[in-house]
PDB file of N, CA and C in Angstrom:
ATOM      1  N   MET A   1     -86.738  29.783-103.150  1.00  0.00           N
ATOM      2  CA  MET A   1     -86.835  30.445-101.505  1.00  0.00           C
ATOM      3  C   MET A   1     -87.542  32.364-103.018  1.00  0.00           C
ATOM      4  N   LYS A   2     -86.053  31.398-103.520  1.00  0.00           N
ATOM      5  CA  LYS A   2     -85.341  33.220-103.493  1.00  0.00           C
ATOM      6  C   LYS A   2     -86.256  34.202-104.678  1.00  0.00           C
ATOM      7  N   ARG A   3     -86.961  33.344-106.004  1.00  0.00           N
ATOM      8  CA  ARG A   3     -88.191  33.447-106.622  1.00  0.00           C
ATOM      9  C   ARG A   3     -89.277  33.699-106.277  1.00  0.00           C
ATOM     10  N   GLN A   4     -89.651  33.783-105.482  1.00  0.00           N
ATOM     11  CA  GLN A   4     -90.915  33.958-105.273  1.00  0.00           C
ATOM     12  C   GLN A   4     -90.222  34.660-104.121  1.00  0.00           C
ATOM     13  N   LYS A   5     -90.206  35.552-103.613  1.00  0.00           N
ATOM     14  CA  LYS A   5     -89.317  37.050-103.439  1.00  0.00           C
ATOM     15  C   LYS A   5     -89.042  37.870-104.318  1.00  0.00           C
ATOM     16  N   ARG A   6     -88.746  37.333-104.972  1.00  0.00           N
ATOM     17  CA  ARG A   6     -88.389  38.455-106.836  1.00  0.00           C
ATOM     18  C   ARG A   6     -89.672  38.709-106.922  1.00  0.00           C
ATOM     19  N   ASP A   7     -90.137  37.486-106.936  1.00  0.00           N
ATOM     20  CA  ASP A   7     -91.919  38.099-108.506  1.00  0.00           C
ATOM     21  C   ASP A   7     -92.245  38.414-107.543  1.00  0.00           C
ATOM     22  N   ARG A   8     -92.545  38.595-105.437  1.00  0.00           N
ATOM     23  CA  ARG A   8     -93.446  39.618-104.456  1.00  0.00           C
ATOM     24  C   ARG A   8     -92.436  41.198-105.307  1.00  0.00           C
ATOM     25  N   LEU A   9     -91.816  40.907-105.079  1.00  0.00           N
ATOM     26  CA  LEU A   9     -91.321  42.767-105.346  1.00  0.00           C
ATOM     27  C   LEU A   9     -90.815  42.574-106.729  1.00  0.00           C
ATOM     28  N   GLU A  10     -91.114  42.646-107.492  1.00  0.00           N
ATOM     29  CA  GLU A  10     -91.232  42.562-109.038  1.00  0.00           C
ATOM     30  C   GLU A  10     -93.001  43.181-108.821  1.00  0.00           C
ATOM     31  N   ARG A  11     -94.317  42.236-108.247  1.00  0.00           N
ATOM     32  CA  ARG A  11     -95.142  41.848-108.468  1.00  0.00           C
ATOM     33  C   ARG A  11     -95.596  44.027-107.550  1.00  0.00           C
ATOM     34  N   ALA A  12     -94.335  45.000-106.850  1.00  0.00           N
ATOM     35  CA  ALA A  12     -95.129  45.274-105.676  1.00  0.00           C
ATOM     36  C   ALA A  12     -94.418  46.893-106.713  1.00  0.00           C
ATOM     37  N   GLN A  13     -93.436  47.231-107.584  1.00  0.00           N
ATOM     38  CA  GLN A  13     -92.883  47.769-108.482  1.00  0.00           C
ATOM     39  C   GLN A  13     -93.817  47.783-109.244  1.00  0.00           C
ATOM     40  N   SER A  14     -94.264  47.084-109.692  1.00  0.00           N
ATOM     41  CA  SER A  14     -95.357  46.922-111.575  1.00  0.00           C
ATOM     42  C   SER A  14     -97.118  47.686-110.393  1.00  0.00           C
ATOM     43  N   GLN A  15     -97.790  47.235-109.513  1.00  0.00           N
ATOM     44  CA  GLN A  15     -98.691  48.077-108.854  1.00  0.00           C
ATOM     45  C   GLN A  15     -98.437  49.275-108.962  1.00  0.00           C
ATOM     46  N   GLY A  16     -96.775  49.841-108.372  1.00  0.00           N
ATOM     47  CA  GLY A  16     -96.593  50.449-107.823  1.00  0.00           C
ATOM     48  C   GLY A  16     -95.813  51.682-109.386  1.00  0.00           C
ATOM     49  N   TYR A  17     -95.908  51.525-109.669  1.00  0.00           N
ATOM     50  CA  TYR A  17     -96.239  52.160-111.920  1.00  0.00           C
ATOM     51  C   TYR A  17     -97.741  52.156-111.848  1.00  0.00           C
ATOM     52  N   LYS A  18     -98.474  51.701-111.768  1.00  0.00           N
ATOM     53  CA  LYS A  18     -99.863  51.324-112.718  1.00  0.00           C
ATOM     54  C   LYS A  18    -100.466  52.923-111.956  1.00  0.00           C
ATOM     55  N   ALA A  19     -99.790  52.677-109.966  1.00  0.00           N
ATOM     56  CA  ALA A  19    -101.048  53.516-108.880  1.00  0.00           C
ATOM     57  C   ALA A  19    -100.517  55.246-109.380  1.00  0.00           C
ATOM     58  N   GLY A  20     -98.936  55.059-109.992  1.00  0.00           N
ATOM     59  CA  GLY A  20     -98.205  55.952-110.542  1.00  0.00           C
ATOM     60  C   GLY A  20     -99.048  57.003-111.417  1.00  0.00           C
ATOM     61  N   ILE A  21     -99.139  55.711-112.492  1.00  0.00           N
ATOM     62  CA  ILE A  21    -100.327  56.097-113.335  1.00  0.00           C
ATOM     63  C   ILE A  21    -100.966  57.144-113.976  1.00  0.00           C
ATOM     64  N   ASN A  22    -102.131  55.170-113.124  1.00  0.00           N
ATOM     65  CA  ASN A  22    -103.249  56.547-112.192  1.00  0.00           C
ATOM     66  C   ASN A  22    -103.489  57.759-111.448  1.00  0.00           C
ATOM     67  N   GLY A  23    -102.078  58.323-111.443  1.00  0.00           N
ATOM     68  CA  GLY A  23    -102.237  59.604-110.362  1.00  0.00           C
ATOM     69  C   GLY A  23    -102.290  59.192-109.196  1.00  0.00           C
ATOM     70  N   ARG A  24    -102.287  58.355-109.054  1.00  0.00           N
ATOM     71  CA  ARG A  24    -102.231  58.168-107.465  1.00  0.00           C
ATOM     72  C   ARG A  24    -101.284  58.994-106.338  1.00  0.00           C
ATOM     73  N   SER A  25    -101.731  58.669-105.047  1.00  0.00           N
ATOM     74  CA  SER A  25    -100.878  59.664-104.329  1.00  0.00           C
ATOM     75  C   SER A  25     -99.616  58.606-103.762  1.00  0.00           C
ATOM     76  N   SER A  26     -98.165  58.513-103.612  1.00  0.00           N
ATOM     77  CA  SER A  26     -97.501  58.319-102.888  1.00  0.00           C
ATOM     78  C   SER A  26     -97.392  57.939-101.731  1.00  0.00           C
ATOM     79  N   GLU A  27     -98.987  58.589-101.353  1.00  0.00           N
ATOM     80  CA  GLU A  27     -99.212  57.991 -99.389  1.00  0.00           C
ATOM     81  C   GLU A  27     -99.765  56.467 -99.306  1.00  0.00           C
ATOM     82  N   GLU A  28    -100.425  56.831-100.472  1.00  0.00           N
ATOM     83  CA  GLU A  28    -101.382  55.039-101.022  1.00  0.00           C
ATOM     84  C   GLU A  28    -100.339  53.443-100.220  1.00  0.00           C
ATOM     85  N   CYS A  29     -99.537  53.802-100.307  1.00  0.00           N
ATOM     86  CA  CYS A  29     -98.463  52.603-100.774  1.00  0.00           C
ATOM     87  C   CYS A  29     -98.741  51.104 -99.703  1.00  0.00           C
ATOM     88  N   PRO A  30     -99.382  50.171-100.252  1.00  0.00           N
ATOM     89  CA  PRO A  30     -99.706  49.398 -99.537  1.00  0.00           C
ATOM     90  C   PRO A  30     -99.554  48.270 -98.631  1.00  0.00           C
ATOM     91  N   TYR A  31     -98.221  48.198 -99.320  1.00  0.00           N
ATOM     92  CA  TYR A  31     -96.943  47.940 -97.845  1.00  0.00           C
ATOM     93  C   TYR A  31     -97.063  47.654 -96.640  1.00  0.00           C
ATOM     94  N   GLN A  32     -95.891  47.263 -95.913  1.00  0.00           N
ATOM     95  CA  GLN A  32     -95.624  48.370 -95.053  1.00  0.00           C
ATOM     96  C   GLN A  32     -94.117  47.270 -94.760  1.00  0.00           C
ATOM     97  N   ALA A  33     -93.980  46.714 -95.216  1.00  0.00           N
ATOM     98  CA  ALA A  33     -92.595  45.312 -94.956  1.00  0.00           C
ATOM     99  C   ALA A  33     -91.787  46.867 -96.039  1.00  0.00           C
ATOM    100  N   THR A  34     -90.596  46.987 -95.913  1.00  0.00           N
ATOM    101  CA  THR A  34     -89.870  47.976 -95.072  1.00  0.00           C
ATOM    102  C   THR A  34     -89.047  47.163 -97.865  1.00  0.00           C
ATOM    103  N   ASP A  35     -88.646  46.124 -97.916  1.00  0.00           N
ATOM    104  CA  ASP A  35     -88.634  45.965 -99.319  1.00  0.00           C
ATOM    105  C   ASP A  35     -90.166  46.316-100.169  1.00  0.00           C
ATOM    106  N   ALA A  36     -90.418  45.591 -99.626  1.00  0.00           N
ATOM    107  CA  ALA A  36     -91.886  45.969-100.005  1.00  0.00           C
ATOM    108  C   ALA A  36     -92.033  47.389-101.007  1.00  0.00           C
ATOM    109  N   ARG A  37     -92.031  48.101-100.405  1.00  0.00           N
ATOM    110  CA  ARG A  37     -91.974  49.859 -99.849  1.00  0.00           C
ATOM    111  C   ARG A  37     -91.394  50.227-101.171  1.00  0.00           C
ATOM    112  N   THR A  38     -90.486  50.037-100.968  1.00  0.00           N
ATOM    113  CA  THR A  38     -89.290  50.842-101.113  1.00  0.00           C
ATOM    114  C   THR A  38     -89.618  50.519-103.032  1.00  0.00           C
ATOM    115  N   ASN A  39     -89.978  49.198-103.254  1.00  0.00           N
ATOM    116  CA  ASN A  39     -90.736  47.975-104.616  1.00  0.00           C
ATOM    117  C   ASN A  39     -91.518  49.322-105.221  1.00  0.00           C
ATOM    118  N   TRP A  40     -92.064  49.101-104.572  1.00  0.00           N
ATOM    119  CA  TRP A  40     -93.498  50.256-104.235  1.00  0.00           C
ATOM    120  C   TRP A  40     -93.546  51.607-105.381  1.00  0.00           C
ATOM    121  N   LEU A  41     -92.472  52.145-104.085  1.00  0.00           N
ATOM    122  CA  LEU A  41     -92.366  53.792-104.998  1.00  0.00           C
ATOM    123  C   LEU A  41     -91.292  54.174-105.619  1.00  0.00           C
ATOM    124  N   GLY A  42     -91.399  52.838-106.055  1.00  0.00           N
ATOM    125  CA  GLY A  42     -90.176  53.295-107.283  1.00  0.00           C
ATOM    126  C   GLY A  42     -90.726  53.401-108.768  1.00  0.00           C
ATOM    127  N   GLY A  43     -91.481  52.373-107.835  1.00  0.00           N
ATOM    128  CA  GLY A  43     -92.614  52.452-109.679  1.00  0.00           C
ATOM    129  C   GLY A  43     -92.585  53.541-109.777  1.00  0.00           C
ATOM    130  N   TRP A  44     -93.540  53.637-108.533  1.00  0.00           N
ATOM    131  CA  TRP A  44     -94.283  55.469-108.284  1.00  0.00           C
ATOM    132  C   TRP A  44     -94.126  55.991-108.871  1.00  0.00           C
ATOM    133  N   ARG A  45     -92.342  56.094-108.453  1.00  0.00           N
ATOM    134  CA  ARG A  45     -91.629  57.299-109.009  1.00  0.00           C
ATOM    135  C   ARG A  45     -91.668  57.497-110.163  1.00  0.00           C
ATOM    136  N   GLU A  46     -90.667  56.145-111.028  1.00  0.00           N
ATOM    137  CA  GLU A  46     -90.354  55.848-112.563  1.00  0.00           C
ATOM    138  C   GLU A  46     -91.431  56.744-113.015  1.00  0.00           C
ATOM    139  N   ALA A  47     -93.559  56.327-112.624  1.00  0.00           N
ATOM    140  CA  ALA A  47     -93.833  56.066-114.067  1.00  0.00           C
ATOM    141  C   ALA A  47     -94.925  57.692-113.944  1.00  0.00           C
ATOM    142  N   ARG A  48     -94.180  57.944-112.391  1.00  0.00           N
ATOM    143  CA  ARG A  48     -94.404  59.527-112.366  1.00  0.00           C
ATOM    144  C   ARG A  48     -93.620  60.603-113.627  1.00  0.00           C
ATOM    145  N   GLN A  49     -92.325  60.348-113.275  1.00  0.00           N
ATOM    146  CA  GLN A  49     -91.261  61.072-114.933  1.00  0.00           C
ATOM    147  C   GLN A  49     -92.010  60.833-116.342  1.00  0.00           C
ATOM    148  N   ASP A  50     -92.547  59.759-116.464  1.00  0.00           N
ATOM    149  CA  ASP A  50     -92.565  58.469-117.201  1.00  0.00           C
ATOM    150  C   ASP A  50     -94.001  59.842-118.074  1.00  0.00           C
ATOM    151  N   LEU A  51     -94.736  60.454-117.046  1.00  0.00           N
ATOM    152  CA  LEU A  51     -95.576  61.157-116.747  1.00  0.00           C
ATOM    153  C   LEU A  51     -95.717  62.379-117.857  1.00  0.00           C
ATOM    154  N   GLN A  52     -94.228  62.939-116.853  1.00  0.00           N
ATOM    155  CA  GLN A  52     -93.470  64.734-117.211  1.00  0.00           C
ATOM    156  C   GLN A  52     -92.688  64.677-118.551  1.00  0.00           C
ATOM    157  N   SER A  53     -92.460  62.974-118.563  1.00  0.00           N
ATOM    158  CA  SER A  53     -91.642  62.722-119.618  1.00  0.00           C
ATOM    159  C   SER A  53     -91.977  63.248-121.035  1.00  0.00           C
ATOM    160  N   GLY A  54     -93.902  63.096-121.079  1.00  0.00           N
ATOM    161  CA  GLY A  54     -95.296  63.483-121.991  1.00  0.00           C
ATOM    162  C   GLY A  54     -94.664  60.593-122.718  1.00  0.00           C
ATOM    163  N   LEU A  55     -94.727  60.537-122.002  1.00  0.00           N
ATOM    164  CA  LEU A  55     -94.671  59.701-122.356  1.00  0.00           C
ATOM    165  C   LEU A  55     -95.594  58.792-122.132  1.00  0.00           C
ATOM    166  N   PHE A  56     -96.961  59.378-121.374  1.00  0.00           N
ATOM    167  CA  PHE A  56     -98.552  59.021-122.160  1.00  0.00           C
ATOM    168  C   PHE A  56     -99.232  60.391-121.163  1.00  0.00           C
ATOM    169  N   ARG A  57     -99.642  59.826-122.997  1.00  0.00           N
ATOM    170  CA  ARG A  57    -100.805  61.025-122.722  1.00  0.00           C
ATOM    171  C   ARG A  57    -101.674  61.027-123.499  1.00  0.00           C
TER     172      ARG A  57
END
């Protein structure tokens, strides 16, 4: 059970990262559950920081 939950949260983080890299707004988070939403937004923030630091050009 724990593995399934971790995979779901990792997927949310990964999708948030992809959304951030593609320039989507944080308001477009598709998750309602608090834990998944938190991971999605964490991935989104990480991607935005990577963009600002020049990692992607």
